[in-house]
Amino acid sequence: MKQIIAAAGLLLFLGGCGISSYGDFARVFIGTKSAKMADTTLSNSIWGVCQATSMGAVMRRFGRSRTAMDAYVALCYPKPNAPIIPISPPGPAPAAVIPTP
């Protein structure tokens, strides 16, 4: 019974978030914290793939095709001045401009 009351209270609380100014604060707070957690998770994942994985595991996973190995190299050994490709609106993707060294 306590669980049902707690669940109902949670639903009422979350439902009221859009009505009050607290709802705006909650959405911004949750959005900011979740973005930071996502950044940390991605960073930790890349560290795991690039630093904590044995070369044998890398070769078994990525060494079967040139495209896969190129993706691993691009992820783990990025060029220092590589441009960041912006996220574009829906539609055809613009041609990427990659500077030549």
N, C-alpha and C. Protein backbone atom coordinates (compact mmCIF):
# COMPACT_ATOMS: atom_id res chain seq x y z
N MET A 1 0.82 -1.19 0.00
CA MET A 1 0.00 0.00 0.00
C MET A 1 0.87 1.26 0.00
N LYS A 2 1.94 1.23 0.80
CA LYS A 2 2.85 2.39 0.84
C LYS A 2 3.46 2.65 -0.53
N GLN A 3 3.75 1.57 -1.26
CA GLN A 3 4.35 1.72 -2.58
C GLN A 3 3.39 2.40 -3.55
N ILE A 4 2.12 2.05 -3.46
CA ILE A 4 1.11 2.66 -4.34
C ILE A 4 0.96 4.14 -4.03
N ILE A 5 0.96 4.49 -2.76
CA ILE A 5 0.84 5.89 -2.36
C ILE A 5 2.07 6.67 -2.81
N ALA A 6 3.24 6.07 -2.65
CA ALA A 6 4.48 6.74 -3.08
C ALA A 6 4.48 6.94 -4.59
N ALA A 7 4.05 5.94 -5.35
CA ALA A 7 4.01 6.06 -6.80
C ALA A 7 3.01 7.13 -7.23
N ALA A 8 1.86 7.18 -6.58
CA ALA A 8 0.86 8.20 -6.90
C ALA A 8 1.40 9.59 -6.58
N GLY A 9 2.08 9.72 -5.45
CA GLY A 9 2.68 11.01 -5.08
C GLY A 9 3.73 11.44 -6.08
N LEU A 10 4.52 10.50 -6.53
CA LEU A 10 5.55 10.81 -7.54
C LEU A 10 4.92 11.26 -8.85
N LEU A 11 3.86 10.58 -9.27
CA LEU A 11 3.17 10.98 -10.50
C LEU A 11 2.57 12.37 -10.37
N LEU A 12 1.97 12.67 -9.22
CA LEU A 12 1.41 14.01 -9.00
C LEU A 12 2.52 15.07 -9.02
N PHE A 13 3.64 14.75 -8.38
CA PHE A 13 4.77 15.69 -8.35
C PHE A 13 5.29 15.96 -9.74
N LEU A 14 5.51 14.89 -10.51
CA LEU A 14 6.04 15.06 -11.86
C LEU A 14 5.02 15.73 -12.78
N GLY A 15 3.76 15.44 -12.58
CA GLY A 15 2.72 16.07 -13.39
C GLY A 15 2.61 17.56 -13.13
N GLY A 16 2.92 17.97 -11.91
CA GLY A 16 2.84 19.38 -11.56
C GLY A 16 4.06 20.17 -11.96
N CYS A 17 5.09 19.51 -12.46
CA CYS A 17 6.32 20.21 -12.81
C CYS A 17 6.11 21.26 -13.89
N GLY A 18 5.18 21.01 -14.80
CA GLY A 18 4.96 21.96 -15.88
C GLY A 18 4.08 23.13 -15.48
N ILE A 19 3.46 23.05 -14.32
CA ILE A 19 2.52 24.08 -13.91
C ILE A 19 3.20 25.21 -13.15
N SER A 20 4.19 24.88 -12.34
CA SER A 20 4.79 25.87 -11.46
C SER A 20 6.15 26.33 -11.97
N SER A 21 6.67 27.38 -11.36
CA SER A 21 8.01 27.83 -11.71
C SER A 21 9.05 26.80 -11.26
N TYR A 22 8.71 26.00 -10.25
CA TYR A 22 9.60 24.94 -9.82
C TYR A 22 9.82 23.94 -10.95
N GLY A 23 8.78 23.73 -11.77
CA GLY A 23 8.90 22.79 -12.89
C GLY A 23 9.97 23.23 -13.86
N ASP A 24 10.04 24.55 -14.13
CA ASP A 24 11.08 25.06 -15.02
C ASP A 24 12.46 24.80 -14.43
N PHE A 25 12.60 25.09 -13.13
CA PHE A 25 13.88 24.86 -12.45
C PHE A 25 14.23 23.38 -12.51
N ALA A 26 13.25 22.51 -12.25
CA ALA A 26 13.52 21.06 -12.24
C ALA A 26 13.98 20.59 -13.61
N ARG A 27 13.33 21.07 -14.68
CA ARG A 27 13.72 20.65 -16.02
C ARG A 27 15.14 21.12 -16.36
N VAL A 28 15.47 22.35 -16.02
CA VAL A 28 16.82 22.86 -16.30
C VAL A 28 17.85 22.10 -15.48
N PHE A 29 17.55 21.88 -14.20
CA PHE A 29 18.47 21.18 -13.30
C PHE A 29 18.71 19.75 -13.81
N ILE A 30 17.63 19.04 -14.13
CA ILE A 30 17.75 17.66 -14.60
C ILE A 30 18.47 17.62 -15.94
N GLY A 31 18.15 18.56 -16.82
CA GLY A 31 18.81 18.61 -18.13
C GLY A 31 20.30 18.86 -18.00
N THR A 32 20.68 19.78 -17.13
CA THR A 32 22.09 20.09 -16.93
C THR A 32 22.83 18.90 -16.33
N LYS A 33 22.26 18.33 -15.30
CA LYS A 33 22.91 17.19 -14.64
C LYS A 33 22.99 15.99 -15.58
N SER A 34 21.92 15.73 -16.34
CA SER A 34 21.97 14.56 -17.21
C SER A 34 22.96 14.78 -18.35
N ALA A 35 23.11 16.02 -18.83
CA ALA A 35 24.11 16.28 -19.87
C ALA A 35 25.51 16.04 -19.33
N LYS A 36 25.77 16.48 -18.10
CA LYS A 36 27.09 16.26 -17.50
C LYS A 36 27.34 14.77 -17.30
N MET A 37 26.31 14.05 -16.86
CA MET A 37 26.47 12.61 -16.66
C MET A 37 26.70 11.91 -18.00
N ALA A 38 26.01 12.35 -19.05
CA ALA A 38 26.21 11.76 -20.37
C ALA A 38 27.62 12.02 -20.87
N ASP A 39 28.13 13.24 -20.65
CA ASP A 39 29.50 13.56 -21.05
C ASP A 39 30.50 12.68 -20.31
N THR A 40 30.28 12.50 -19.01
CA THR A 40 31.17 11.67 -18.21
C THR A 40 31.11 10.22 -18.66
N THR A 41 29.91 9.73 -18.92
CA THR A 41 29.75 8.35 -19.38
C THR A 41 30.45 8.13 -20.70
N LEU A 42 30.30 9.07 -21.63
CA LEU A 42 30.96 8.94 -22.92
C LEU A 42 32.47 8.97 -22.77
N SER A 43 32.96 9.88 -21.94
CA SER A 43 34.40 9.98 -21.70
C SER A 43 34.95 8.68 -21.10
N ASN A 44 34.24 8.13 -20.13
CA ASN A 44 34.67 6.88 -19.51
C ASN A 44 34.63 5.72 -20.51
N SER A 45 33.62 5.72 -21.38
CA SER A 45 33.51 4.66 -22.38
C SER A 45 34.67 4.72 -23.38
N ILE A 46 34.98 5.92 -23.83
CA ILE A 46 36.10 6.07 -24.77
C ILE A 46 37.40 5.67 -24.10
N TRP A 47 37.59 6.05 -22.84
CA TRP A 47 38.79 5.63 -22.12
C TRP A 47 38.86 4.10 -22.07
N GLY A 48 37.73 3.46 -21.79
CA GLY A 48 37.71 2.01 -21.72
C GLY A 48 38.07 1.35 -23.04
N VAL A 49 37.52 1.88 -24.15
CA VAL A 49 37.80 1.31 -25.46
C VAL A 49 39.24 1.58 -25.87
N CYS A 50 39.73 2.78 -25.60
CA CYS A 50 41.04 3.18 -26.13
C CYS A 50 42.22 2.86 -25.20
N GLN A 51 42.01 2.87 -23.90
CA GLN A 51 43.12 2.71 -22.97
C GLN A 51 43.11 1.39 -22.20
N ALA A 52 41.94 0.86 -21.89
CA ALA A 52 41.87 -0.31 -21.03
C ALA A 52 41.68 -1.62 -21.79
N THR A 53 41.63 -1.55 -23.11
CA THR A 53 41.41 -2.73 -23.92
C THR A 53 42.74 -3.25 -24.46
N SER A 54 42.89 -4.58 -24.46
CA SER A 54 44.13 -5.16 -24.98
C SER A 54 44.17 -5.03 -26.50
N MET A 55 45.35 -5.05 -27.05
CA MET A 55 45.50 -4.94 -28.50
C MET A 55 44.85 -6.14 -29.20
N GLY A 56 44.90 -7.31 -28.54
CA GLY A 56 44.23 -8.48 -29.13
C GLY A 56 42.73 -8.26 -29.25
N ALA A 57 42.12 -7.70 -28.21
CA ALA A 57 40.68 -7.42 -28.26
C ALA A 57 40.36 -6.38 -29.33
N VAL A 58 41.22 -5.37 -29.45
CA VAL A 58 41.02 -4.35 -30.49
C VAL A 58 41.09 -4.99 -31.87
N MET A 59 42.08 -5.85 -32.09
CA MET A 59 42.23 -6.48 -33.40
C MET A 59 41.05 -7.41 -33.71
N ARG A 60 40.57 -8.15 -32.70
CA ARG A 60 39.43 -9.04 -32.94
C ARG A 60 38.17 -8.24 -33.27
N ARG A 61 38.01 -7.09 -32.65
CA ARG A 61 36.78 -6.30 -32.87
C ARG A 61 36.88 -5.39 -34.08
N PHE A 62 37.98 -4.70 -34.24
CA PHE A 62 38.10 -3.68 -35.28
C PHE A 62 38.99 -4.10 -36.45
N GLY A 63 39.79 -5.13 -36.29
CA GLY A 63 40.79 -5.48 -37.30
C GLY A 63 40.27 -6.25 -38.48
N ARG A 64 39.00 -6.52 -38.55
CA ARG A 64 38.46 -7.31 -39.67
C ARG A 64 38.15 -6.47 -40.90
N SER A 65 38.08 -5.16 -40.74
CA SER A 65 37.85 -4.32 -41.92
C SER A 65 38.60 -3.00 -41.75
N ARG A 66 38.99 -2.44 -42.85
CA ARG A 66 39.72 -1.17 -42.84
C ARG A 66 38.84 -0.05 -42.29
N THR A 67 37.56 -0.09 -42.62
CA THR A 67 36.62 0.93 -42.15
C THR A 67 36.51 0.90 -40.62
N ALA A 68 36.40 -0.29 -40.05
CA ALA A 68 36.29 -0.41 -38.60
C ALA A 68 37.58 0.05 -37.92
N MET A 69 38.73 -0.33 -38.47
CA MET A 69 40.00 0.09 -37.87
C MET A 69 40.18 1.59 -38.00
N ASP A 70 39.78 2.16 -39.12
CA ASP A 70 39.85 3.62 -39.28
C ASP A 70 38.97 4.32 -38.24
N ALA A 71 37.81 3.75 -37.95
CA ALA A 71 36.92 4.33 -36.93
C ALA A 71 37.58 4.27 -35.55
N TYR A 72 38.23 3.14 -35.24
CA TYR A 72 38.93 3.01 -33.96
C TYR A 72 40.05 4.04 -33.85
N VAL A 73 40.82 4.18 -34.89
CA VAL A 73 41.93 5.14 -34.89
C VAL A 73 41.40 6.56 -34.75
N ALA A 74 40.33 6.88 -35.46
CA ALA A 74 39.76 8.24 -35.37
C ALA A 74 39.23 8.51 -33.96
N LEU A 75 38.65 7.50 -33.32
CA LEU A 75 38.12 7.68 -31.97
C LEU A 75 39.23 7.79 -30.94
N CYS A 76 40.22 6.95 -31.05
CA CYS A 76 41.24 6.87 -30.00
C CYS A 76 42.46 7.77 -30.23
N TYR A 77 42.70 8.12 -31.45
CA TYR A 77 43.87 8.95 -31.75
C TYR A 77 43.46 10.12 -32.65
N PRO A 78 42.60 11.00 -32.14
CA PRO A 78 42.13 12.10 -32.99
C PRO A 78 43.25 13.08 -33.31
N LYS A 79 43.13 13.70 -34.47
CA LYS A 79 44.09 14.72 -34.86
C LYS A 79 43.84 15.95 -33.98
N PRO A 80 44.89 16.59 -33.49
CA PRO A 80 44.72 17.70 -32.55
C PRO A 80 43.91 18.87 -33.08
N ASN A 81 44.02 19.18 -34.35
CA ASN A 81 43.33 20.33 -34.90
C ASN A 81 42.18 19.94 -35.83
N ALA A 82 41.67 18.73 -35.65
CA ALA A 82 40.57 18.29 -36.50
C ALA A 82 39.34 19.15 -36.25
N PRO A 83 38.65 19.54 -37.31
CA PRO A 83 37.47 20.39 -37.13
C PRO A 83 36.33 19.63 -36.49
N ILE A 84 35.51 20.31 -35.73
CA ILE A 84 34.31 19.72 -35.16
C ILE A 84 33.21 19.91 -36.18
N ILE A 85 32.57 18.82 -36.55
CA ILE A 85 31.51 18.89 -37.54
C ILE A 85 30.23 19.31 -36.83
N PRO A 86 29.65 20.44 -37.23
CA PRO A 86 28.44 20.91 -36.54
C PRO A 86 27.25 20.03 -36.86
N ILE A 87 26.31 19.98 -35.94
CA ILE A 87 25.06 19.26 -36.17
C ILE A 87 24.19 20.19 -36.99
N SER A 88 23.77 19.73 -38.14
CA SER A 88 22.99 20.57 -39.03
C SER A 88 21.51 20.24 -38.93
N PRO A 89 20.65 21.15 -39.36
CA PRO A 89 19.21 20.88 -39.34
C PRO A 89 18.87 19.76 -40.31
N PRO A 90 17.66 19.21 -40.20
CA PRO A 90 17.27 18.13 -41.11
C PRO A 90 17.39 18.55 -42.56
N GLY A 91 17.70 17.60 -43.39
CA GLY A 91 17.87 17.88 -44.81
C GLY A 91 19.18 17.30 -45.27
N PRO A 92 19.55 17.58 -46.50
CA PRO A 92 20.81 17.04 -46.98
C PRO A 92 21.99 17.60 -46.21
N ALA A 93 22.92 16.74 -45.90
CA ALA A 93 24.10 17.17 -45.14
C ALA A 93 25.02 18.00 -46.02
N PRO A 94 25.56 19.09 -45.46
CA PRO A 94 26.50 19.88 -46.25
C PRO A 94 27.79 19.11 -46.46
N ALA A 95 28.49 19.43 -47.51
CA ALA A 95 29.77 18.78 -47.79
C ALA A 95 30.77 19.17 -46.71
N ALA A 96 31.46 18.18 -46.17
CA ALA A 96 32.44 18.45 -45.12
C ALA A 96 33.70 19.03 -45.75
N VAL A 97 34.23 20.04 -45.10
CA VAL A 97 35.47 20.63 -45.54
C VAL A 97 36.56 20.16 -44.60
N ILE A 98 37.44 19.33 -45.10
CA ILE A 98 38.52 18.79 -44.29
C ILE A 98 39.82 19.42 -44.77
N PRO A 99 40.47 20.20 -43.91
CA PRO A 99 41.71 20.82 -44.33
C PRO A 99 42.80 19.79 -44.57
N THR A 100 43.59 20.01 -45.58
CA THR A 100 44.71 19.11 -45.85
C THR A 100 45.97 19.67 -45.21
N PRO A 101 46.77 18.79 -44.64
CA PRO A 101 47.97 19.27 -43.96
C PRO A 101 49.01 19.84 -44.91
